[in-house]
């Protein structure tokens, strides 16, 4: 009786290992890269524009490349008046 229980237990463990083995080998889908556009209206040498550049570098570093910041300083994308109308 003890020998039979031991064999049943070994077979049950082997079946469980075979059932759950494929789950460990499934590769995770690559994470989607998030793109953020930042607009600045001040000149390149302005201290707030420098802060935007530092913020861009900080976010990209801390996110390990999952977040990409596209920076448009010095009214490259919109001027002051147009920027207010395009914001949600």
PDB file of N, CA and C in Angstrom:
ATOM      1  N   UNK A   1       0.825  -1.192   0.000  1.00  0.00           N
ATOM      2  CA  UNK A   1       0.000   0.000   0.000  1.00  0.00           C
ATOM      3  C   UNK A   1       0.869   1.255   0.000  1.00  0.00           C
ATOM      4  N   UNK A   2       1.948   1.267   0.798  1.00  0.00           N
ATOM      5  CA  UNK A   2       2.833   2.429   0.860  1.00  0.00           C
ATOM      6  C   UNK A   2       3.526   2.641  -0.472  1.00  0.00           C
ATOM      7  N   UNK A   3       3.929   1.556  -1.107  1.00  0.00           N
ATOM      8  CA  UNK A   3       4.619   1.644  -2.379  1.00  0.00           C
ATOM      9  C   UNK A   3       3.680   2.201  -3.452  1.00  0.00           C
ATOM     10  N   UNK A   4       2.424   1.792  -3.389  1.00  0.00           N
ATOM     11  CA  UNK A   4       1.439   2.266  -4.364  1.00  0.00           C
ATOM     12  C   UNK A   4       1.202   3.768  -4.196  1.00  0.00           C
ATOM     13  N   UNK A   5       1.066   4.235  -2.959  1.00  0.00           N
ATOM     14  CA  UNK A   5       0.867   5.665  -2.693  1.00  0.00           C
ATOM     15  C   UNK A   5       2.067   6.483  -3.159  1.00  0.00           C
ATOM     16  N   UNK A   6       3.254   5.937  -2.972  1.00  0.00           N
ATOM     17  CA  UNK A   6       4.465   6.634  -3.392  1.00  0.00           C
ATOM     18  C   UNK A   6       4.486   6.796  -4.914  1.00  0.00           C
ATOM     19  N   UNK A   7       4.102   5.735  -5.632  1.00  0.00           N
ATOM     20  CA  UNK A   7       4.068   5.806  -7.098  1.00  0.00           C
ATOM     21  C   UNK A   7       2.998   6.791  -7.578  1.00  0.00           C
ATOM     22  N   UNK A   8       1.865   6.784  -6.955  1.00  0.00           N
ATOM     23  CA  UNK A   8       0.793   7.721  -7.331  1.00  0.00           C
ATOM     24  C   UNK A   8       1.250   9.156  -7.100  1.00  0.00           C
ATOM     25  N   UNK A   9       1.922   9.385  -5.987  1.00  0.00           N
ATOM     26  CA  UNK A   9       2.418  10.726  -5.678  1.00  0.00           C
ATOM     27  C   UNK A   9       3.470  11.158  -6.696  1.00  0.00           C
ATOM     28  N   UNK A  10       4.375  10.265  -7.065  1.00  0.00           N
ATOM     29  CA  UNK A  10       5.408  10.598  -8.047  1.00  0.00           C
ATOM     30  C   UNK A  10       4.793  10.893  -9.415  1.00  0.00           C
ATOM     31  N   UNK A  11       3.791  10.127  -9.802  1.00  0.00           N
ATOM     32  CA  UNK A  11       3.117  10.364 -11.082  1.00  0.00           C
ATOM     33  C   UNK A  11       2.380  11.699 -11.050  1.00  0.00           C
ATOM     34  N   UNK A  12       1.732  12.009  -9.937  1.00  0.00           N
ATOM     35  CA  UNK A  12       1.010  13.277  -9.809  1.00  0.00           C
ATOM     36  C   UNK A  12       1.971  14.461  -9.913  1.00  0.00           C
ATOM     37  N   UNK A  13       3.121  14.365  -9.268  1.00  0.00           N
ATOM     38  CA  UNK A  13       4.115  15.437  -9.339  1.00  0.00           C
ATOM     39  C   UNK A  13       4.640  15.576 -10.765  1.00  0.00           C
ATOM     40  N   UNK A  14       4.903  14.457 -11.427  1.00  0.00           N
ATOM     41  CA  UNK A  14       5.395  14.500 -12.809  1.00  0.00           C
ATOM     42  C   UNK A  14       4.369  15.139 -13.737  1.00  0.00           C
ATOM     43  N   UNK A  15       3.097  14.816 -13.547  1.00  0.00           N
ATOM     44  CA  UNK A  15       2.037  15.407 -14.369  1.00  0.00           C
ATOM     45  C   UNK A  15       1.957  16.909 -14.123  1.00  0.00           C
ATOM     46  N   UNK A  16       2.026  17.322 -12.875  1.00  0.00           N
ATOM     47  CA  UNK A  16       1.984  18.753 -12.559  1.00  0.00           C
ATOM     48  C   UNK A  16       3.163  19.497 -13.179  1.00  0.00           C
ATOM     49  N   UNK A  17       4.337  18.898 -13.126  1.00  0.00           N
ATOM     50  CA  UNK A  17       5.519  19.528 -13.726  1.00  0.00           C
ATOM     51  C   UNK A  17       5.325  19.682 -15.224  1.00  0.00           C
ATOM     52  N   UNK A  18       4.801  18.649 -15.874  1.00  0.00           N
ATOM     53  CA  UNK A  18       4.588  18.721 -17.325  1.00  0.00           C
ATOM     54  C   UNK A  18       3.505  19.735 -17.688  1.00  0.00           C
ATOM     55  N   UNK A  19       2.502  19.874 -16.840  1.00  0.00           N
ATOM     56  CA  UNK A  19       1.422  20.826 -17.122  1.00  0.00           C
ATOM     57  C   UNK A  19       1.921  22.257 -16.994  1.00  0.00           C
ATOM     58  N   UNK A  20       2.686  22.546 -15.952  1.00  0.00           N
ATOM     59  CA  UNK A  20       3.107  23.919 -15.700  1.00  0.00           C
ATOM     60  C   UNK A  20       4.433  24.290 -16.354  1.00  0.00           C
ATOM     61  N   UNK A  21       5.125  23.352 -16.959  1.00  0.00           N
ATOM     62  CA  UNK A  21       6.408  23.643 -17.592  1.00  0.00           C
ATOM     63  C   UNK A  21       6.286  24.673 -18.722  1.00  0.00           C
ATOM     64  N   UNK A  22       5.307  24.587 -19.609  1.00  0.00           N
ATOM     65  CA  UNK A  22       5.222  25.580 -20.690  1.00  0.00           C
ATOM     66  C   UNK A  22       4.970  27.001 -20.189  1.00  0.00           C
ATOM     67  N   UNK A  23       4.357  27.145 -19.042  1.00  0.00           N
ATOM     68  CA  UNK A  23       4.070  28.485 -18.526  1.00  0.00           C
ATOM     69  C   UNK A  23       5.338  29.249 -18.185  1.00  0.00           C
ATOM     70  N   UNK A  24       6.367  28.563 -17.761  1.00  0.00           N
ATOM     71  CA  UNK A  24       7.614  29.229 -17.415  1.00  0.00           C
ATOM     72  C   UNK A  24       8.419  29.667 -18.618  1.00  0.00           C
ATOM     73  N   UNK A  25       8.161  29.058 -19.769  1.00  0.00           N
ATOM     74  CA  UNK A  25       8.954  29.388 -20.948  1.00  0.00           C
ATOM     75  C   UNK A  25       8.295  30.422 -21.854  1.00  0.00           C
ATOM     76  N   UNK A  26       7.117  30.875 -21.507  1.00  0.00           N
ATOM     77  CA  UNK A  26       6.432  31.878 -22.324  1.00  0.00           C
ATOM     78  C   UNK A  26       7.138  33.214 -22.157  1.00  0.00           C
ATOM     79  N   UNK A  27       7.494  33.823 -23.269  1.00  0.00           N
ATOM     80  CA  UNK A  27       8.175  35.109 -23.201  1.00  0.00           C
ATOM     81  C   UNK A  27       7.144  36.222 -23.104  1.00  0.00           C
ATOM     82  N   UNK A  28       7.469  37.212 -22.311  1.00  0.00           N
ATOM     83  CA  UNK A  28       6.578  38.355 -22.167  1.00  0.00           C
ATOM     84  C   UNK A  28       6.636  39.198 -23.431  1.00  0.00           C
ATOM     85  N   UNK A  29       5.503  39.775 -23.770  1.00  0.00           N
ATOM     86  CA  UNK A  29       5.455  40.653 -24.940  1.00  0.00           C
ATOM     87  C   UNK A  29       6.278  41.906 -24.653  1.00  0.00           C
ATOM     88  N   UNK A  30       6.977  42.415 -25.643  1.00  0.00           N
ATOM     89  CA  UNK A  30       7.761  43.629 -25.409  1.00  0.00           C
ATOM     90  C   UNK A  30       6.842  44.794 -25.044  1.00  0.00           C
ATOM     91  N   UNK A  31       7.311  45.587 -24.110  1.00  0.00           N
ATOM     92  CA  UNK A  31       6.490  46.701 -23.656  1.00  0.00           C
ATOM     93  C   UNK A  31       6.441  47.787 -24.717  1.00  0.00           C
ATOM     94  N   UNK A  32       5.298  48.414 -24.797  1.00  0.00           N
ATOM     95  CA  UNK A  32       5.098  49.467 -25.771  1.00  0.00           C
ATOM     96  C   UNK A  32       5.824  50.729 -25.307  1.00  0.00           C
ATOM     97  N   UNK A  33       6.470  51.395 -26.249  1.00  0.00           N
ATOM     98  CA  UNK A  33       7.177  52.635 -25.935  1.00  0.00           C
ATOM     99  C   UNK A  33       6.168  53.779 -25.920  1.00  0.00           C
ATOM    100  N   UNK A  34       6.226  54.583 -24.878  1.00  0.00           N
ATOM    101  CA  UNK A  34       5.337  55.732 -24.732  1.00  0.00           C
ATOM    102  C   UNK A  34       6.075  56.965 -25.219  1.00  0.00           C
ATOM    103  N   UNK A  35       5.443  57.715 -26.125  1.00  0.00           N
ATOM    104  CA  UNK A  35       6.049  58.939 -26.644  1.00  0.00           C
ATOM    105  C   UNK A  35       5.287  60.141 -26.108  1.00  0.00           C
ATOM    106  N   UNK A  36       6.040  61.097 -25.582  1.00  0.00           N
ATOM    107  CA  UNK A  36       5.465  62.330 -25.046  1.00  0.00           C
ATOM    108  C   UNK A  36       6.083  63.497 -25.791  1.00  0.00           C
ATOM    109  N   UNK A  37       5.243  64.441 -26.200  1.00  0.00           N
ATOM    110  CA  UNK A  37       5.746  65.656 -26.841  1.00  0.00           C
ATOM    111  C   UNK A  37       5.680  66.789 -25.826  1.00  0.00           C
ATOM    112  N   UNK A  38       6.813  67.471 -25.648  1.00  0.00           N
ATOM    113  CA  UNK A  38       6.873  68.627 -24.754  1.00  0.00           C
ATOM    114  C   UNK A  38       7.207  69.852 -25.588  1.00  0.00           C
ATOM    115  N   UNK A  39       6.463  70.917 -25.349  1.00  0.00           N
ATOM    116  CA  UNK A  39       6.630  72.144 -26.117  1.00  0.00           C
ATOM    117  C   UNK A  39       7.098  73.241 -25.179  1.00  0.00           C
ATOM    118  N   UNK A  40       8.096  73.981 -25.621  1.00  0.00           N
ATOM    119  CA  UNK A  40       8.571  75.143 -24.881  1.00  0.00           C
ATOM    120  C   UNK A  40       8.492  76.376 -25.761  1.00  0.00           C
ATOM    121  N   UNK A  41       8.177  77.494 -25.154  1.00  0.00           N
ATOM    122  CA  UNK A  41       8.066  78.732 -25.931  1.00  0.00           C
ATOM    123  C   UNK A  41       9.186  79.710 -25.617  1.00  0.00           C
ATOM    124  N   UNK A  42      10.032  79.369 -24.685  1.00  0.00           N
ATOM    125  CA  UNK A  42      11.114  80.270 -24.287  1.00  0.00           C
ATOM    126  C   UNK A  42      12.378  79.952 -25.082  1.00  0.00           C
ATOM    127  N   UNK A  43      13.317  80.898 -25.184  1.00  0.00           N
ATOM    128  CA  UNK A  43      14.542  80.671 -25.961  1.00  0.00           C
ATOM    129  C   UNK A  43      15.373  79.510 -25.411  1.00  0.00           C
ATOM    130  N   UNK A  44      16.261  78.999 -26.241  1.00  0.00           N
ATOM    131  CA  UNK A  44      17.095  77.846 -25.885  1.00  0.00           C
ATOM    132  C   UNK A  44      17.923  78.103 -24.625  1.00  0.00           C
ATOM    133  N   UNK A  45      18.495  79.271 -24.463  1.00  0.00           N
ATOM    134  CA  UNK A  45      19.363  79.547 -23.321  1.00  0.00           C
ATOM    135  C   UNK A  45      18.632  79.860 -22.025  1.00  0.00           C
ATOM    136  N   UNK A  46      17.318  79.936 -22.058  1.00  0.00           N
ATOM    137  CA  UNK A  46      16.540  80.290 -20.862  1.00  0.00           C
ATOM    138  C   UNK A  46      16.611  79.161 -19.835  1.00  0.00           C
ATOM    139  N   UNK A  47      16.588  79.536 -18.555  1.00  0.00           N
ATOM    140  CA  UNK A  47      16.737  78.522 -17.507  1.00  0.00           C
ATOM    141  C   UNK A  47      15.564  77.534 -17.469  1.00  0.00           C
ATOM    142  N   UNK A  48      14.369  77.948 -17.846  1.00  0.00           N
ATOM    143  CA  UNK A  48      13.242  77.011 -17.870  1.00  0.00           C
ATOM    144  C   UNK A  48      13.353  76.020 -19.040  1.00  0.00           C
ATOM    145  N   UNK A  49      13.929  76.453 -20.134  1.00  0.00           N
ATOM    146  CA  UNK A  49      14.183  75.527 -21.242  1.00  0.00           C
ATOM    147  C   UNK A  49      15.247  74.511 -20.844  1.00  0.00           C
ATOM    148  N   UNK A  50      16.257  74.960 -20.120  1.00  0.00           N
ATOM    149  CA  UNK A  50      17.275  74.042 -19.604  1.00  0.00           C
ATOM    150  C   UNK A  50      16.642  73.025 -18.661  1.00  0.00           C
ATOM    151  N   UNK A  51      15.680  73.472 -17.853  1.00  0.00           N
ATOM    152  CA  UNK A  51      14.975  72.553 -16.955  1.00  0.00           C
ATOM    153  C   UNK A  51      14.172  71.524 -17.748  1.00  0.00           C
ATOM    154  N   UNK A  52      13.562  71.929 -18.859  1.00  0.00           N
ATOM    155  CA  UNK A  52      12.832  70.982 -19.706  1.00  0.00           C
ATOM    156  C   UNK A  52      13.768  69.911 -20.268  1.00  0.00           C
ATOM    157  N   UNK A  53      14.952  70.322 -20.680  1.00  0.00           N
ATOM    158  CA  UNK A  53      15.930  69.377 -21.223  1.00  0.00           C
ATOM    159  C   UNK A  53      16.365  68.383 -20.145  1.00  0.00           C
ATOM    160  N   UNK A  54      16.615  68.886 -18.938  1.00  0.00           N
ATOM    161  CA  UNK A  54      17.005  68.006 -17.823  1.00  0.00           C
ATOM    162  C   UNK A  54      15.868  67.042 -17.476  1.00  0.00           C
ATOM    163  N   UNK A  55      14.625  67.551 -17.507  1.00  0.00           N
ATOM    164  CA  UNK A  55      13.462  66.714 -17.212  1.00  0.00           C
ATOM    165  C   UNK A  55      13.326  65.602 -18.247  1.00  0.00           C
ATOM    166  N   UNK A  56      13.526  65.924 -19.511  1.00  0.00           N
ATOM    167  CA  UNK A  56      13.487  64.939 -20.600  1.00  0.00           C
ATOM    168  C   UNK A  56      14.505  63.832 -20.342  1.00  0.00           C
ATOM    169  N   UNK A  57      15.733  64.215 -20.028  1.00  0.00           N
ATOM    170  CA  UNK A  57      16.789  63.238 -19.766  1.00  0.00           C
ATOM    171  C   UNK A  57      16.454  62.369 -18.558  1.00  0.00           C
ATOM    172  N   UNK A  58      15.904  62.989 -17.513  1.00  0.00           N
ATOM    173  CA  UNK A  58      15.559  62.277 -16.285  1.00  0.00           C
ATOM    174  C   UNK A  58      14.475  61.225 -16.545  1.00  0.00           C
ATOM    175  N   UNK A  59      13.425  61.623 -17.258  1.00  0.00           N
ATOM    176  CA  UNK A  59      12.315  60.705 -17.533  1.00  0.00           C
ATOM    177  C   UNK A  59      12.785  59.530 -18.379  1.00  0.00           C
ATOM    178  N   UNK A  60      13.569  59.802 -19.406  1.00  0.00           N
ATOM    179  CA  UNK A  60      14.044  58.723 -20.268  1.00  0.00           C
ATOM    180  C   UNK A  60      14.984  57.775 -19.529  1.00  0.00           C
ATOM    181  N   UNK A  61      15.789  58.319 -18.627  1.00  0.00           N
ATOM    182  CA  UNK A  61      16.710  57.477 -17.859  1.00  0.00           C
ATOM    183  C   UNK A  61      15.950  56.611 -16.858  1.00  0.00           C
ATOM    184  N   UNK A  62      15.040  57.201 -16.111  1.00  0.00           N
ATOM    185  CA  UNK A  62      14.318  56.466 -15.073  1.00  0.00           C
ATOM    186  C   UNK A  62      13.347  55.439 -15.643  1.00  0.00           C
ATOM    187  N   UNK A  63      12.877  55.653 -16.869  1.00  0.00           N
ATOM    188  CA  UNK A  63      11.941  54.707 -17.473  1.00  0.00           C
ATOM    189  C   UNK A  63      12.660  53.618 -18.265  1.00  0.00           C
ATOM    190  N   UNK A  64      13.984  53.652 -18.276  1.00  0.00           N
ATOM    191  CA  UNK A  64      14.789  52.671 -19.021  1.00  0.00           C
ATOM    192  C   UNK A  64      14.399  52.607 -20.495  1.00  0.00           C
ATOM    193  N   UNK A  65      14.107  53.761 -21.058  1.00  0.00           N
ATOM    194  CA  UNK A  65      13.792  53.831 -22.482  1.00  0.00           C
ATOM    195  C   UNK A  65      12.357  53.521 -22.838  1.00  0.00           C
ATOM    196  N   UNK A  66      11.512  53.208 -21.852  1.00  0.00           N
ATOM    197  CA  UNK A  66      10.105  52.924 -22.149  1.00  0.00           C
ATOM    198  C   UNK A  66       9.334  54.193 -22.466  1.00  0.00           C
ATOM    199  N   UNK A  67       9.822  55.335 -21.976  1.00  0.00           N
ATOM    200  CA  UNK A  67       9.202  56.627 -22.264  1.00  0.00           C
ATOM    201  C   UNK A  67      10.201  57.457 -23.058  1.00  0.00           C
ATOM    202  N   UNK A  68       9.768  57.923 -24.219  1.00  0.00           N
ATOM    203  CA  UNK A  68      10.597  58.776 -25.066  1.00  0.00           C
ATOM    204  C   UNK A  68       9.948  60.150 -25.100  1.00  0.00           C
ATOM    205  N   UNK A  69      10.732  61.169 -24.777  1.00  0.00           N
ATOM    206  CA  UNK A  69      10.223  62.540 -24.748  1.00  0.00           C
ATOM    207  C   UNK A  69      10.760  63.280 -25.966  1.00  0.00           C
ATOM    208  N   UNK A  70       9.833  63.782 -26.782  1.00  0.00           N
ATOM    209  CA  UNK A  70      10.208  64.623 -27.914  1.00  0.00           C
ATOM    210  C   UNK A  70      10.070  66.068 -27.463  1.00  0.00           C
ATOM    211  N   UNK A  71      11.173  66.779 -27.423  1.00  0.00           N
ATOM    212  CA  UNK A  71      11.183  68.148 -26.907  1.00  0.00           C
ATOM    213  C   UNK A  71      11.274  69.136 -28.062  1.00  0.00           C
ATOM    214  N   UNK A  72      10.372  70.113 -28.048  1.00  0.00           N
ATOM    215  CA  UNK A  72      10.347  71.170 -29.059  1.00  0.00           C
ATOM    216  C   UNK A  72      10.471  72.520 -28.348  1.00  0.00           C
ATOM    217  N   UNK A  73      11.688  72.964 -28.052  1.00  0.00           N
ATOM    218  CA  UNK A  73      11.857  74.242 -27.354  1.00  0.00           C
ATOM    219  C   UNK A  73      11.812  75.417 -28.328  1.00  0.00           C
ATOM    220  N   UNK A  74      11.754  76.608 -27.784  1.00  0.00           N
ATOM    221  CA  UNK A  74      11.874  77.868 -28.529  1.00  0.00           C
ATOM    222  C   UNK A  74      10.857  77.984 -29.661  1.00  0.00           C
ATOM    223  N   UNK A  75       9.614  77.644 -29.375  1.00  0.00           N
ATOM    224  CA  UNK A  75       8.502  77.783 -30.324  1.00  0.00           C
ATOM    225  C   UNK A  75       8.729  77.017 -31.627  1.00  0.00           C
ATOM    226  N   UNK A  76       9.398  75.898 -31.572  1.00  0.00           N
ATOM    227  CA  UNK A  76       9.630  75.103 -32.779  1.00  0.00           C
ATOM    228  C   UNK A  76       8.353  74.437 -33.281  1.00  0.00           C
ATOM    229  N   UNK A  77       7.452  74.104 -32.388  1.00  0.00           N
ATOM    230  CA  UNK A  77       6.220  73.430 -32.783  1.00  0.00           C
ATOM    231  C   UNK A  77       5.042  74.402 -32.811  1.00  0.00           C
ATOM    232  N   UNK A  78       4.890  75.194 -31.768  1.00  0.00           N
ATOM    233  CA  UNK A  78       3.804  76.177 -31.678  1.00  0.00           C
ATOM    234  C   UNK A  78       4.340  77.455 -31.049  1.00  0.00           C
ATOM    235  N   UNK A  79       3.730  78.583 -31.418  1.00  0.00           N
ATOM    236  CA  UNK A  79       4.061  79.823 -30.723  1.00  0.00           C
ATOM    237  C   UNK A  79       3.116  79.973 -29.528  1.00  0.00           C
ATOM    238  N   UNK A  80       3.262  81.066 -28.782  1.00  0.00           N
ATOM    239  CA  UNK A  80       2.476  81.255 -27.556  1.00  0.00           C
ATOM    240  C   UNK A  80       0.972  81.201 -27.814  1.00  0.00           C
ATOM    241  N   UNK A  81       0.512  81.898 -28.843  1.00  0.00           N
ATOM    242  CA  UNK A  81      -0.929  81.978 -29.107  1.00  0.00           C
ATOM    243  C   UNK A  81      -1.491  80.640 -29.582  1.00  0.00           C
ATOM    244  N   UNK A  82      -0.779  79.959 -30.452  1.00  0.00           N
ATOM    245  CA  UNK A  82      -1.271  78.682 -30.973  1.00  0.00           C
ATOM    246  C   UNK A  82      -1.230  77.575 -29.923  1.00  0.00           C
ATOM    247  N   UNK A  83      -0.283  77.631 -29.032  1.00  0.00           N
ATOM    248  CA  UNK A  83      -0.136  76.591 -28.015  1.00  0.00           C
ATOM    249  C   UNK A  83      -1.378  76.492 -27.140  1.00  0.00           C
ATOM    250  N   UNK A  84      -1.955  77.625 -26.799  1.00  0.00           N
ATOM    251  CA  UNK A  84      -3.141  77.635 -25.938  1.00  0.00           C
ATOM    252  C   UNK A  84      -4.325  76.975 -26.643  1.00  0.00           C
ATOM    253  N   UNK A  85      -4.425  77.126 -27.943  1.00  0.00           N
ATOM    254  CA  UNK A  85      -5.579  76.574 -28.662  1.00  0.00           C
ATOM    255  C   UNK A  85      -5.454  75.075 -28.930  1.00  0.00           C
ATOM    256  N   UNK A  86      -4.252  74.530 -28.961  1.00  0.00           N
ATOM    257  CA  UNK A  86      -4.095  73.100 -29.258  1.00  0.00           C
ATOM    258  C   UNK A  86      -4.086  72.223 -28.015  1.00  0.00           C
ATOM    259  N   UNK A  87      -3.949  72.805 -26.848  1.00  0.00           N
ATOM    260  CA  UNK A  87      -3.960  72.016 -25.616  1.00  0.00           C
ATOM    261  C   UNK A  87      -5.372  71.514 -25.341  1.00  0.00           C
ATOM    262  N   UNK A  88      -5.506  70.286 -24.871  1.00  0.00           N
ATOM    263  CA  UNK A  88      -6.857  69.750 -24.587  1.00  0.00           C
ATOM    264  C   UNK A  88      -7.487  70.405 -23.388  1.00  0.00           C
TER     265      UNK A  88
END
